[in-house]
Amino acid sequence: MKSKILFIILSVAIFSLLIGSSVSAIVIPGIQQAGPTTVSGIVDILRNIVKWIYIIFFIIAVMFILFAAYTYLMAQGDPEKVNTARNEIIYAVVAIIVALLAVGLDTAVATFIQTGQ
């Protein structure tokens, strides 16, 4: 239980470090801040946000696999712990496969919309 709490705290800390640097901005008096003024600019921003979410998701999924592997190694032959670790690894791998399919589907839909074929 303590290791799961530590894992959650570590994940939140890493996430806040990644997001914190992109949220903070320096405002210089007399200079207008540029923002998206077209639809394509907003779409680019949304694509970047989705890209970062995918990256963070894959990092967390790998951390789950490592945590499950650690649980598996420390099970010492206990069937219940081995089964729990095996299930955690299966869930993490399924999550990665679903995320990869989502990325591929996004690319396929974008290609279909752009080319019309």
PDB file of N, CA and C in Angstrom:
ATOM      1  N   MET A   1       0.830  -1.191   0.000  1.00  0.00           N
ATOM      2  CA  MET A   1       0.000   0.000   0.000  1.00  0.00           C
ATOM      3  C   MET A   1       0.870   1.250   0.000  1.00  0.00           C
ATOM      4  N   LYS A   2       1.948   1.222   0.786  1.00  0.00           N
ATOM      5  CA  LYS A   2       2.831   2.380   0.852  1.00  0.00           C
ATOM      6  C   LYS A   2       3.512   2.635  -0.480  1.00  0.00           C
ATOM      7  N   SER A   3       3.853   1.570  -1.178  1.00  0.00           N
ATOM      8  CA  SER A   3       4.526   1.752  -2.463  1.00  0.00           C
ATOM      9  C   SER A   3       3.567   2.327  -3.504  1.00  0.00           C
ATOM     10  N   LYS A   4       2.280   1.984  -3.437  1.00  0.00           N
ATOM     11  CA  LYS A   4       1.315   2.570  -4.365  1.00  0.00           C
ATOM     12  C   LYS A   4       1.128   4.055  -4.091  1.00  0.00           C
ATOM     13  N   ILE A   5       1.085   4.437  -2.825  1.00  0.00           N
ATOM     14  CA  ILE A   5       0.969   5.846  -2.476  1.00  0.00           C
ATOM     15  C   ILE A   5       2.206   6.599  -2.935  1.00  0.00           C
ATOM     16  N   LEU A   6       3.375   6.020  -2.743  1.00  0.00           N
ATOM     17  CA  LEU A   6       4.613   6.640  -3.204  1.00  0.00           C
ATOM     18  C   LEU A   6       4.613   6.775  -4.724  1.00  0.00           C
ATOM     19  N   PHE A   7       4.124   5.769  -5.421  1.00  0.00           N
ATOM     20  CA  PHE A   7       4.041   5.813  -6.883  1.00  0.00           C
ATOM     21  C   PHE A   7       3.109   6.939  -7.335  1.00  0.00           C
ATOM     22  N   ILE A   8       1.969   7.098  -6.688  1.00  0.00           N
ATOM     23  CA  ILE A   8       1.027   8.157  -7.046  1.00  0.00           C
ATOM     24  C   ILE A   8       1.636   9.527  -6.788  1.00  0.00           C
ATOM     25  N   ILE A   9       2.297   9.690  -5.663  1.00  0.00           N
ATOM     26  CA  ILE A   9       2.938  10.973  -5.343  1.00  0.00           C
ATOM     27  C   ILE A   9       4.027  11.286  -6.348  1.00  0.00           C
ATOM     28  N   LEU A  10       4.819  10.291  -6.711  1.00  0.00           N
ATOM     29  CA  LEU A  10       5.878  10.490  -7.702  1.00  0.00           C
ATOM     30  C   LEU A  10       5.292  10.845  -9.068  1.00  0.00           C
ATOM     31  N   SER A  11       4.221  10.194  -9.452  1.00  0.00           N
ATOM     32  CA  SER A  11       3.571  10.488 -10.736  1.00  0.00           C
ATOM     33  C   SER A  11       3.031  11.908 -10.771  1.00  0.00           C
ATOM     34  N   VAL A  12       2.395  12.333  -9.683  1.00  0.00           N
ATOM     35  CA  VAL A  12       1.868  13.694  -9.625  1.00  0.00           C
ATOM     36  C   VAL A  12       3.002  14.708  -9.670  1.00  0.00           C
ATOM     37  N   ALA A  13       4.109  14.419  -9.006  1.00  0.00           N
ATOM     38  CA  ALA A  13       5.240  15.336  -9.007  1.00  0.00           C
ATOM     39  C   ALA A  13       5.833  15.481 -10.406  1.00  0.00           C
ATOM     40  N   ILE A  14       6.000  14.378 -11.096  1.00  0.00           N
ATOM     41  CA  ILE A  14       6.534  14.430 -12.465  1.00  0.00           C
ATOM     42  C   ILE A  14       5.573  15.165 -13.381  1.00  0.00           C
ATOM     43  N   PHE A  15       4.291  14.878 -13.257  1.00  0.00           N
ATOM     44  CA  PHE A  15       3.290  15.544 -14.084  1.00  0.00           C
ATOM     45  C   PHE A  15       3.294  17.048 -13.826  1.00  0.00           C
ATOM     46  N   SER A  16       3.371  17.466 -12.558  1.00  0.00           N
ATOM     47  CA  SER A  16       3.362  18.896 -12.258  1.00  0.00           C
ATOM     48  C   SER A  16       4.625  19.579 -12.756  1.00  0.00           C
ATOM     49  N   LEU A  17       5.755  18.882 -12.751  1.00  0.00           N
ATOM     50  CA  LEU A  17       6.967  19.475 -13.306  1.00  0.00           C
ATOM     51  C   LEU A  17       6.862  19.669 -14.808  1.00  0.00           C
ATOM     52  N   LEU A  18       6.284  18.699 -15.496  1.00  0.00           N
ATOM     53  CA  LEU A  18       6.124  18.810 -16.945  1.00  0.00           C
ATOM     54  C   LEU A  18       5.133  19.898 -17.316  1.00  0.00           C
ATOM     55  N   ILE A  19       4.023  19.959 -16.610  1.00  0.00           N
ATOM     56  CA  ILE A  19       2.982  20.933 -16.931  1.00  0.00           C
ATOM     57  C   ILE A  19       3.358  22.318 -16.405  1.00  0.00           C
ATOM     58  N   GLY A  20       4.013  22.392 -15.281  1.00  0.00           N
ATOM     59  CA  GLY A  20       4.355  23.679 -14.678  1.00  0.00           C
ATOM     60  C   GLY A  20       5.229  24.541 -15.563  1.00  0.00           C
ATOM     61  N   SER A  21       6.154  23.927 -16.280  1.00  0.00           N
ATOM     62  CA  SER A  21       7.033  24.711 -17.136  1.00  0.00           C
ATOM     63  C   SER A  21       6.302  25.252 -18.354  1.00  0.00           C
ATOM     64  N   SER A  22       5.266  24.560 -18.808  1.00  0.00           N
ATOM     65  CA  SER A  22       4.538  25.044 -19.975  1.00  0.00           C
ATOM     66  C   SER A  22       3.470  26.061 -19.596  1.00  0.00           C
ATOM     67  N   VAL A  23       3.024  26.062 -18.348  1.00  0.00           N
ATOM     68  CA  VAL A  23       1.970  26.972 -17.937  1.00  0.00           C
ATOM     69  C   VAL A  23       2.539  28.341 -17.598  1.00  0.00           C
ATOM     70  N   SER A  24       3.692  28.372 -16.979  1.00  0.00           N
ATOM     71  CA  SER A  24       4.252  29.654 -16.579  1.00  0.00           C
ATOM     72  C   SER A  24       4.726  30.424 -17.797  1.00  0.00           C
ATOM     73  N   ALA A  25       4.456  31.724 -17.774  1.00  0.00           N
ATOM     74  CA  ALA A  25       4.859  32.578 -18.886  1.00  0.00           C
ATOM     75  C   ALA A  25       5.352  33.901 -18.321  1.00  0.00           C
ATOM     76  N   ILE A  26       6.283  34.504 -19.022  1.00  0.00           N
ATOM     77  CA  ILE A  26       6.810  35.803 -18.621  1.00  0.00           C
ATOM     78  C   ILE A  26       6.071  36.872 -19.417  1.00  0.00           C
ATOM     79  N   VAL A  27       5.463  37.790 -18.714  1.00  0.00           N
ATOM     80  CA  VAL A  27       4.744  38.877 -19.366  1.00  0.00           C
ATOM     81  C   VAL A  27       5.642  40.105 -19.341  1.00  0.00           C
ATOM     82  N   ILE A  28       5.971  40.605 -20.537  1.00  0.00           N
ATOM     83  CA  ILE A  28       6.825  41.785 -20.659  1.00  0.00           C
ATOM     84  C   ILE A  28       5.934  42.964 -21.016  1.00  0.00           C
ATOM     85  N   PRO A  29       5.950  44.024 -20.198  1.00  0.00           N
ATOM     86  CA  PRO A  29       5.096  45.183 -20.491  1.00  0.00           C
ATOM     87  C   PRO A  29       5.455  45.799 -21.848  1.00  0.00           C
ATOM     88  N   GLY A  30       4.424  46.172 -22.604  1.00  0.00           N
ATOM     89  CA  GLY A  30       4.628  46.818 -23.890  1.00  0.00           C
ATOM     90  C   GLY A  30       4.698  45.857 -25.063  1.00  0.00           C
ATOM     91  N   ILE A  31       4.769  44.549 -24.790  1.00  0.00           N
ATOM     92  CA  ILE A  31       4.827  43.557 -25.860  1.00  0.00           C
ATOM     93  C   ILE A  31       3.570  42.712 -25.772  1.00  0.00           C
ATOM     94  N   GLN A  32       2.845  42.650 -26.896  1.00  0.00           N
ATOM     95  CA  GLN A  32       1.624  41.863 -26.904  1.00  0.00           C
ATOM     96  C   GLN A  32       1.958  40.373 -26.927  1.00  0.00           C
ATOM     97  N   GLN A  33       1.186  39.639 -26.187  1.00  0.00           N
ATOM     98  CA  GLN A  33       1.376  38.196 -26.156  1.00  0.00           C
ATOM     99  C   GLN A  33       0.675  37.583 -27.365  1.00  0.00           C
ATOM    100  N   ALA A  34       1.398  36.794 -28.114  1.00  0.00           N
ATOM    101  CA  ALA A  34       0.828  36.148 -29.296  1.00  0.00           C
ATOM    102  C   ALA A  34       0.082  34.894 -28.873  1.00  0.00           C
ATOM    103  N   GLY A  35      -1.061  34.709 -29.438  1.00  0.00           N
ATOM    104  CA  GLY A  35      -1.854  33.519 -29.186  1.00  0.00           C
ATOM    105  C   GLY A  35      -2.423  33.027 -30.491  1.00  0.00           C
ATOM    106  N   PRO A  36      -3.099  31.916 -30.430  1.00  0.00           N
ATOM    107  CA  PRO A  36      -3.666  31.399 -31.671  1.00  0.00           C
ATOM    108  C   PRO A  36      -4.769  32.321 -32.184  1.00  0.00           C
ATOM    109  N   THR A  37      -4.666  32.721 -33.433  1.00  0.00           N
ATOM    110  CA  THR A  37      -5.668  33.592 -34.021  1.00  0.00           C
ATOM    111  C   THR A  37      -6.457  32.892 -35.118  1.00  0.00           C
ATOM    112  N   THR A  38      -6.057  31.690 -35.482  1.00  0.00           N
ATOM    113  CA  THR A  38      -6.758  30.939 -36.512  1.00  0.00           C
ATOM    114  C   THR A  38      -7.160  29.576 -35.958  1.00  0.00           C
ATOM    115  N   VAL A  39      -8.018  28.918 -36.695  1.00  0.00           N
ATOM    116  CA  VAL A  39      -8.462  27.586 -36.287  1.00  0.00           C
ATOM    117  C   VAL A  39      -7.289  26.609 -36.323  1.00  0.00           C
ATOM    118  N   SER A  40      -6.423  26.730 -37.321  1.00  0.00           N
ATOM    119  CA  SER A  40      -5.279  25.814 -37.400  1.00  0.00           C
ATOM    120  C   SER A  40      -4.334  26.014 -36.213  1.00  0.00           C
ATOM    121  N   GLY A  41      -4.239  27.250 -35.700  1.00  0.00           N
ATOM    122  CA  GLY A  41      -3.417  27.490 -34.515  1.00  0.00           C
ATOM    123  C   GLY A  41      -3.981  26.799 -33.292  1.00  0.00           C
ATOM    124  N   ILE A  42      -5.304  26.840 -33.157  1.00  0.00           N
ATOM    125  CA  ILE A  42      -5.952  26.163 -32.033  1.00  0.00           C
ATOM    126  C   ILE A  42      -5.809  24.648 -32.181  1.00  0.00           C
ATOM    127  N   VAL A  43      -5.952  24.147 -33.404  1.00  0.00           N
ATOM    128  CA  VAL A  43      -5.799  22.709 -33.650  1.00  0.00           C
ATOM    129  C   VAL A  43      -4.377  22.263 -33.325  1.00  0.00           C
ATOM    130  N   ASP A  44      -3.385  23.076 -33.673  1.00  0.00           N
ATOM    131  CA  ASP A  44      -1.994  22.747 -33.344  1.00  0.00           C
ATOM    132  C   ASP A  44      -1.786  22.683 -31.837  1.00  0.00           C
ATOM    133  N   ILE A  45      -2.400  23.606 -31.122  1.00  0.00           N
ATOM    134  CA  ILE A  45      -2.281  23.593 -29.657  1.00  0.00           C
ATOM    135  C   ILE A  45      -2.922  22.323 -29.099  1.00  0.00           C
ATOM    136  N   LEU A  46      -4.095  21.974 -29.604  1.00  0.00           N
ATOM    137  CA  LEU A  46      -4.762  20.761 -29.130  1.00  0.00           C
ATOM    138  C   LEU A  46      -3.953  19.510 -29.467  1.00  0.00           C
ATOM    139  N   ARG A  47      -3.337  19.481 -30.647  1.00  0.00           N
ATOM    140  CA  ARG A  47      -2.489  18.336 -30.999  1.00  0.00           C
ATOM    141  C   ARG A  47      -1.307  18.216 -30.048  1.00  0.00           C
ATOM    142  N   ASN A  48      -0.710  19.348 -29.700  1.00  0.00           N
ATOM    143  CA  ASN A  48       0.418  19.309 -28.763  1.00  0.00           C
ATOM    144  C   ASN A  48      -0.023  18.830 -27.390  1.00  0.00           C
ATOM    145  N   ILE A  49      -1.201  19.264 -26.955  1.00  0.00           N
ATOM    146  CA  ILE A  49      -1.707  18.810 -25.652  1.00  0.00           C
ATOM    147  C   ILE A  49      -1.945  17.304 -25.682  1.00  0.00           C
ATOM    148  N   VAL A  50      -2.569  16.813 -26.746  1.00  0.00           N
ATOM    149  CA  VAL A  50      -2.833  15.373 -26.868  1.00  0.00           C
ATOM    150  C   VAL A  50      -1.525  14.602 -26.935  1.00  0.00           C
ATOM    151  N   LYS A  51      -0.531  15.143 -27.647  1.00  0.00           N
ATOM    152  CA  LYS A  51       0.773  14.483 -27.730  1.00  0.00           C
ATOM    153  C   LYS A  51       1.402  14.352 -26.341  1.00  0.00           C
ATOM    154  N   TRP A  52       1.323  15.400 -25.532  1.00  0.00           N
ATOM    155  CA  TRP A  52       1.876  15.343 -24.179  1.00  0.00           C
ATOM    156  C   TRP A  52       1.099  14.363 -23.312  1.00  0.00           C
ATOM    157  N   ILE A  53      -0.210  14.307 -23.492  1.00  0.00           N
ATOM    158  CA  ILE A  53      -1.006  13.358 -22.717  1.00  0.00           C
ATOM    159  C   ILE A  53      -0.604  11.928 -23.067  1.00  0.00           C
ATOM    160  N   TYR A  54      -0.379  11.649 -24.374  1.00  0.00           N
ATOM    161  CA  TYR A  54       0.081  10.323 -24.780  1.00  0.00           C
ATOM    162  C   TYR A  54       1.438  10.002 -24.151  1.00  0.00           C
ATOM    163  N   ILE A  55       2.346  10.948 -24.172  1.00  0.00           N
ATOM    164  CA  ILE A  55       3.674  10.721 -23.600  1.00  0.00           C
ATOM    165  C   ILE A  55       3.567  10.415 -22.104  1.00  0.00           C
ATOM    166  N   ILE A  56       2.785  11.209 -21.402  1.00  0.00           N
ATOM    167  CA  ILE A  56       2.616  10.989 -19.960  1.00  0.00           C
ATOM    168  C   ILE A  56       1.952   9.643 -19.706  1.00  0.00           C
ATOM    169  N   PHE A  57       0.958   9.299 -20.533  1.00  0.00           N
ATOM    170  CA  PHE A  57       0.280   8.014 -20.388  1.00  0.00           C
ATOM    171  C   PHE A  57       1.256   6.860 -20.548  1.00  0.00           C
ATOM    172  N   PHE A  58       2.104   6.915 -21.573  1.00  0.00           N
ATOM    173  CA  PHE A  58       3.042   5.824 -21.796  1.00  0.00           C
ATOM    174  C   PHE A  58       4.072   5.733 -20.672  1.00  0.00           C
ATOM    175  N   ILE A  59       4.491   6.859 -20.141  1.00  0.00           N
ATOM    176  CA  ILE A  59       5.419   6.844 -19.004  1.00  0.00           C
ATOM    177  C   ILE A  59       4.767   6.175 -17.799  1.00  0.00           C
ATOM    178  N   ILE A  60       3.518   6.529 -17.530  1.00  0.00           N
ATOM    179  CA  ILE A  60       2.811   5.935 -16.398  1.00  0.00           C
ATOM    180  C   ILE A  60       2.588   4.441 -16.630  1.00  0.00           C
ATOM    181  N   ALA A  61       2.271   4.053 -17.866  1.00  0.00           N
ATOM    182  CA  ALA A  61       2.063   2.633 -18.168  1.00  0.00           C
ATOM    183  C   ALA A  61       3.339   1.836 -17.953  1.00  0.00           C
ATOM    184  N   VAL A  62       4.466   2.382 -18.365  1.00  0.00           N
ATOM    185  CA  VAL A  62       5.747   1.697 -18.134  1.00  0.00           C
ATOM    186  C   VAL A  62       6.032   1.604 -16.640  1.00  0.00           C
ATOM    187  N   MET A  63       5.693   2.661 -15.897  1.00  0.00           N
ATOM    188  CA  MET A  63       5.896   2.617 -14.442  1.00  0.00           C
ATOM    189  C   MET A  63       5.022   1.533 -13.814  1.00  0.00           C
ATOM    190  N   PHE A  64       3.795   1.371 -14.308  1.00  0.00           N
ATOM    191  CA  PHE A  64       2.925   0.304 -13.810  1.00  0.00           C
ATOM    192  C   PHE A  64       3.517  -1.068 -14.114  1.00  0.00           C
ATOM    193  N   ILE A  65       4.072  -1.235 -15.293  1.00  0.00           N
ATOM    194  CA  ILE A  65       4.689  -2.517 -15.637  1.00  0.00           C
ATOM    195  C   ILE A  65       5.884  -2.792 -14.720  1.00  0.00           C
ATOM    196  N   LEU A  66       6.694  -1.779 -14.471  1.00  0.00           N
ATOM    197  CA  LEU A  66       7.842  -1.960 -13.574  1.00  0.00           C
ATOM    198  C   LEU A  66       7.382  -2.287 -12.154  1.00  0.00           C
ATOM    199  N   PHE A  67       6.331  -1.615 -11.695  1.00  0.00           N
ATOM    200  CA  PHE A  67       5.802  -1.892 -10.363  1.00  0.00           C
ATOM    201  C   PHE A  67       5.264  -3.322 -10.284  1.00  0.00           C
ATOM    202  N   ALA A  68       4.568  -3.761 -11.341  1.00  0.00           N
ATOM    203  CA  ALA A  68       4.047  -5.134 -11.362  1.00  0.00           C
ATOM    204  C   ALA A  68       5.180  -6.150 -11.409  1.00  0.00           C
ATOM    205  N   ALA A  69       6.239  -5.828 -12.160  1.00  0.00           N
ATOM    206  CA  ALA A  69       7.395  -6.729 -12.208  1.00  0.00           C
ATOM    207  C   ALA A  69       8.053  -6.832 -10.837  1.00  0.00           C
ATOM    208  N   TYR A  70       8.148  -5.710 -10.144  1.00  0.00           N
ATOM    209  CA  TYR A  70       8.698  -5.719  -8.787  1.00  0.00           C
ATOM    210  C   TYR A  70       7.821  -6.578  -7.866  1.00  0.00           C
ATOM    211  N   THR A  71       6.504  -6.417  -7.989  1.00  0.00           N
ATOM    212  CA  THR A  71       5.583  -7.229  -7.189  1.00  0.00           C
ATOM    213  C   THR A  71       5.758  -8.707  -7.505  1.00  0.00           C
ATOM    214  N   TYR A  72       5.932  -9.019  -8.779  1.00  0.00           N
ATOM    215  CA  TYR A  72       6.118 -10.405  -9.206  1.00  0.00           C
ATOM    216  C   TYR A  72       7.410 -10.988  -8.623  1.00  0.00           C
ATOM    217  N   LEU A  73       8.472 -10.186  -8.652  1.00  0.00           N
ATOM    218  CA  LEU A  73       9.754 -10.670  -8.115  1.00  0.00           C
ATOM    219  C   LEU A  73       9.718 -10.844  -6.600  1.00  0.00           C
ATOM    220  N   MET A  74       8.974  -9.996  -5.929  1.00  0.00           N
ATOM    221  CA  MET A  74       8.912 -10.068  -4.474  1.00  0.00           C
ATOM    222  C   MET A  74       7.812 -11.001  -3.964  1.00  0.00           C
ATOM    223  N   ALA A  75       7.108 -11.670  -4.872  1.00  0.00           N
ATOM    224  CA  ALA A  75       6.022 -12.560  -4.462  1.00  0.00           C
ATOM    225  C   ALA A  75       6.536 -13.792  -3.727  1.00  0.00           C
ATOM    226  N   GLN A  76       7.743 -14.213  -4.011  1.00  0.00           N
ATOM    227  CA  GLN A  76       8.371 -15.359  -3.369  1.00  0.00           C
ATOM    228  C   GLN A  76       7.504 -16.617  -3.472  1.00  0.00           C
ATOM    229  N   GLY A  77       6.889 -16.801  -4.628  1.00  0.00           N
ATOM    230  CA  GLY A  77       6.124 -18.011  -4.855  1.00  0.00           C
ATOM    231  C   GLY A  77       4.707 -17.999  -4.325  1.00  0.00           C
ATOM    232  N   ASP A  78       4.291 -16.897  -3.700  1.00  0.00           N
ATOM    233  CA  ASP A  78       2.924 -16.799  -3.192  1.00  0.00           C
ATOM    234  C   ASP A  78       1.971 -16.694  -4.388  1.00  0.00           C
ATOM    235  N   PRO A  79       1.094 -17.683  -4.570  1.00  0.00           N
ATOM    236  CA  PRO A  79       0.236 -17.705  -5.766  1.00  0.00           C
ATOM    237  C   PRO A  79      -0.661 -16.469  -5.899  1.00  0.00           C
ATOM    238  N   GLU A  80      -1.141 -15.949  -4.791  1.00  0.00           N
ATOM    239  CA  GLU A  80      -2.019 -14.781  -4.841  1.00  0.00           C
ATOM    240  C   GLU A  80      -1.266 -13.548  -5.344  1.00  0.00           C
ATOM    241  N   LYS A  81      -0.049 -13.333  -4.838  1.00  0.00           N
ATOM    242  CA  LYS A  81       0.747 -12.187  -5.277  1.00  0.00           C
ATOM    243  C   LYS A  81       1.195 -12.342  -6.724  1.00  0.00           C
ATOM    244  N   VAL A  82       1.540 -13.562  -7.120  1.00  0.00           N
ATOM    245  CA  VAL A  82       1.941 -13.803  -8.510  1.00  0.00           C
ATOM    246  C   VAL A  82       0.770 -13.523  -9.445  1.00  0.00           C
ATOM    247  N   ASN A  83      -0.420 -13.973  -9.068  1.00  0.00           N
ATOM    248  CA  ASN A  83      -1.607 -13.730  -9.879  1.00  0.00           C
ATOM    249  C   ASN A  83      -1.924 -12.233  -9.964  1.00  0.00           C
ATOM    250  N   THR A  84      -1.795 -11.513  -8.862  1.00  0.00           N
ATOM    251  CA  THR A  84      -2.022 -10.065  -8.860  1.00  0.00           C
ATOM    252  C   THR A  84      -1.035  -9.359  -9.776  1.00  0.00           C
ATOM    253  N   ALA A  85       0.232  -9.721  -9.679  1.00  0.00           N
ATOM    254  CA  ALA A  85       1.251  -9.104 -10.528  1.00  0.00           C
ATOM    255  C   ALA A  85       1.002  -9.414 -12.000  1.00  0.00           C
ATOM    256  N   ARG A  86       0.638 -10.644 -12.302  1.00  0.00           N
ATOM    257  CA  ARG A  86       0.345 -11.032 -13.691  1.00  0.00           C
ATOM    258  C   ARG A  86      -0.824 -10.214 -14.241  1.00  0.00           C
ATOM    259  N   ASN A  87      -1.868 -10.041 -13.441  1.00  0.00           N
ATOM    260  CA  ASN A  87      -3.013  -9.243 -13.874  1.00  0.00           C
ATOM    261  C   ASN A  87      -2.638  -7.781 -14.094  1.00  0.00           C
ATOM    262  N   GLU A  88      -1.795  -7.234 -13.216  1.00  0.00           N
ATOM    263  CA  GLU A  88      -1.360  -5.841 -13.386  1.00  0.00           C
ATOM    264  C   GLU A  88      -0.576  -5.669 -14.684  1.00  0.00           C
ATOM    265  N   ILE A  89       0.280  -6.618 -15.001  1.00  0.00           N
ATOM    266  CA  ILE A  89       1.046  -6.545 -16.252  1.00  0.00           C
ATOM    267  C   ILE A  89       0.105  -6.651 -17.448  1.00  0.00           C
ATOM    268  N   ILE A  90      -0.858  -7.533 -17.382  1.00  0.00           N
ATOM    269  CA  ILE A  90      -1.819  -7.680 -18.490  1.00  0.00           C
ATOM    270  C   ILE A  90      -2.608  -6.387 -18.684  1.00  0.00           C
ATOM    271  N   TYR A  91      -3.071  -5.787 -17.588  1.00  0.00           N
ATOM    272  CA  TYR A  91      -3.835  -4.547 -17.694  1.00  0.00           C
ATOM    273  C   TYR A  91      -2.985  -3.427 -18.290  1.00  0.00           C
ATOM    274  N   ALA A  92      -1.734  -3.336 -17.882  1.00  0.00           N
ATOM    275  CA  ALA A  92      -0.857  -2.286 -18.415  1.00  0.00           C
ATOM    276  C   ALA A  92      -0.589  -2.497 -19.900  1.00  0.00           C
ATOM    277  N   VAL A  93      -0.368  -3.727 -20.309  1.00  0.00           N
ATOM    278  CA  VAL A  93      -0.117  -4.012 -21.728  1.00  0.00           C
ATOM    279  C   VAL A  93      -1.367  -3.721 -22.557  1.00  0.00           C
ATOM    280  N   VAL A  94      -2.542  -4.094 -22.053  1.00  0.00           N
ATOM    281  CA  VAL A  94      -3.787  -3.788 -22.763  1.00  0.00           C
ATOM    282  C   VAL A  94      -3.971  -2.274 -22.882  1.00  0.00           C
ATOM    283  N   ALA A  95      -3.663  -1.528 -21.830  1.00  0.00           N
ATOM    284  CA  ALA A  95      -3.775  -0.067 -21.883  1.00  0.00           C
ATOM    285  C   ALA A  95      -2.836   0.520 -22.931  1.00  0.00           C
ATOM    286  N   ILE A  96      -1.630  -0.008 -23.030  1.00  0.00           N
ATOM    287  CA  ILE A  96      -0.680   0.477 -24.042  1.00  0.00           C
ATOM    288  C   ILE A  96      -1.201   0.154 -25.437  1.00  0.00           C
ATOM    289  N   ILE A  97      -1.747  -1.031 -25.631  1.00  0.00           N
ATOM    290  CA  ILE A  97      -2.283  -1.407 -26.947  1.00  0.00           C
ATOM    291  C   ILE A  97      -3.450  -0.499 -27.327  1.00  0.00           C
ATOM    292  N   VAL A  98      -4.342  -0.208 -26.389  1.00  0.00           N
ATOM    293  CA  VAL A  98      -5.467   0.684 -26.671  1.00  0.00           C
ATOM    294  C   VAL A  98      -4.963   2.089 -27.018  1.00  0.00           C
ATOM    295  N   ALA A  99      -3.962   2.563 -26.302  1.00  0.00           N
ATOM    296  CA  ALA A  99      -3.414   3.892 -26.598  1.00  0.00           C
ATOM    297  C   ALA A  99      -2.759   3.924 -27.973  1.00  0.00           C
ATOM    298  N   LEU A 100      -2.032   2.876 -28.332  1.00  0.00           N
ATOM    299  CA  LEU A 100      -1.419   2.822 -29.658  1.00  0.00           C
ATOM    300  C   LEU A 100      -2.483   2.777 -30.754  1.00  0.00           C
ATOM    301  N   LEU A 101      -3.561   2.038 -30.522  1.00  0.00           N
ATOM    302  CA  LEU A 101      -4.662   2.013 -31.481  1.00  0.00           C
ATOM    303  C   LEU A 101      -5.311   3.394 -31.608  1.00  0.00           C
ATOM    304  N   ALA A 102      -5.418   4.105 -30.494  1.00  0.00           N
ATOM    305  CA  ALA A 102      -5.995   5.453 -30.542  1.00  0.00           C
ATOM    306  C   ALA A 102      -5.112   6.394 -31.353  1.00  0.00           C
ATOM    307  N   VAL A 103      -3.803   6.289 -31.194  1.00  0.00           N
ATOM    308  CA  VAL A 103      -2.881   7.122 -31.973  1.00  0.00           C
ATOM    309  C   VAL A 103      -2.992   6.755 -33.443  1.00  0.00           C
ATOM    310  N   GLY A 104      -3.035   5.473 -33.750  1.00  0.00           N
ATOM    311  CA  GLY A 104      -3.151   5.036 -35.139  1.00  0.00           C
ATOM    312  C   GLY A 104      -4.475   5.446 -35.754  1.00  0.00           C
ATOM    313  N   LEU A 105      -5.551   5.362 -34.978  1.00  0.00           N
ATOM    314  CA  LEU A 105      -6.856   5.770 -35.475  1.00  0.00           C
ATOM    315  C   LEU A 105      -6.875   7.261 -35.763  1.00  0.00           C
ATOM    316  N   ASP A 106      -6.269   8.041 -34.904  1.00  0.00           N
ATOM    317  CA  ASP A 106      -6.176   9.487 -35.119  1.00  0.00           C
ATOM    318  C   ASP A 106      -5.451   9.789 -36.427  1.00  0.00           C
ATOM    319  N   THR A 107      -4.348   9.117 -36.664  1.00  0.00           N
ATOM    320  CA  THR A 107      -3.588   9.318 -37.898  1.00  0.00           C
ATOM    321  C   THR A 107      -4.387   8.869 -39.115  1.00  0.00           C
ATOM    322  N   ALA A 108      -5.070   7.747 -39.011  1.00  0.00           N
ATOM    323  CA  ALA A 108      -5.867   7.238 -40.131  1.00  0.00           C
ATOM    324  C   ALA A 108      -7.012   8.186 -40.469  1.00  0.00           C
ATOM    325  N   VAL A 109      -7.693   8.694 -39.451  1.00  0.00           N
ATOM    326  CA  VAL A 109      -8.799   9.623 -39.687  1.00  0.00           C
ATOM    327  C   VAL A 109      -8.280  10.922 -40.299  1.00  0.00           C
ATOM    328  N   ALA A 110      -7.163  11.434 -39.787  1.00  0.00           N
ATOM    329  CA  ALA A 110      -6.598  12.669 -40.336  1.00  0.00           C
ATOM    330  C   ALA A 110      -6.195  12.482 -41.795  1.00  0.00           C
ATOM    331  N   THR A 111      -5.598  11.343 -42.129  1.00  0.00           N
ATOM    332  CA  THR A 111      -5.220  11.064 -43.508  1.00  0.00           C
ATOM    333  C   THR A 111      -6.457  10.948 -44.392  1.00  0.00           C
ATOM    334  N   PHE A 112      -7.487  10.292 -43.895  1.00  0.00           N
ATOM    335  CA  PHE A 112      -8.726  10.131 -44.660  1.00  0.00           C
ATOM    336  C   PHE A 112      -9.372  11.482 -44.926  1.00  0.00           C
ATOM    337  N   ILE A 113      -9.397  12.349 -43.915  1.00  0.00           N
ATOM    338  CA  ILE A 113     -10.016  13.662 -44.081  1.00  0.00           C
ATOM    339  C   ILE A 113      -9.217  14.516 -45.054  1.00  0.00           C
ATOM    340  N   GLN A 114      -7.883  14.462 -44.973  1.00  0.00           N
ATOM    341  CA  GLN A 114      -7.048  15.296 -45.837  1.00  0.00           C
ATOM    342  C   GLN A 114      -7.092  14.840 -47.278  1.00  0.00           C
ATOM    343  N   THR A 115      -7.062  13.524 -47.527  1.00  0.00           N
ATOM    344  CA  THR A 115      -6.994  13.030 -48.907  1.00  0.00           C
ATOM    345  C   THR A 115      -8.366  12.697 -49.462  1.00  0.00           C
ATOM    346  N   GLY A 116      -9.328  12.420 -48.626  1.00  0.00           N
ATOM    347  CA  GLY A 116     -10.658  12.066 -49.089  1.00  0.00           C
ATOM    348  C   GLY A 116     -10.762  10.640 -49.576  1.00  0.00           C
ATOM    349  N   GLN A 117      -9.775   9.817 -49.293  1.00  0.00           N
ATOM    350  CA  GLN A 117      -9.780   8.423 -49.752  1.00  0.00           C
ATOM    351  C   GLN A 117      -9.712   7.482 -48.576  1.00  0.00           C
TER     352      GLN A 117
END
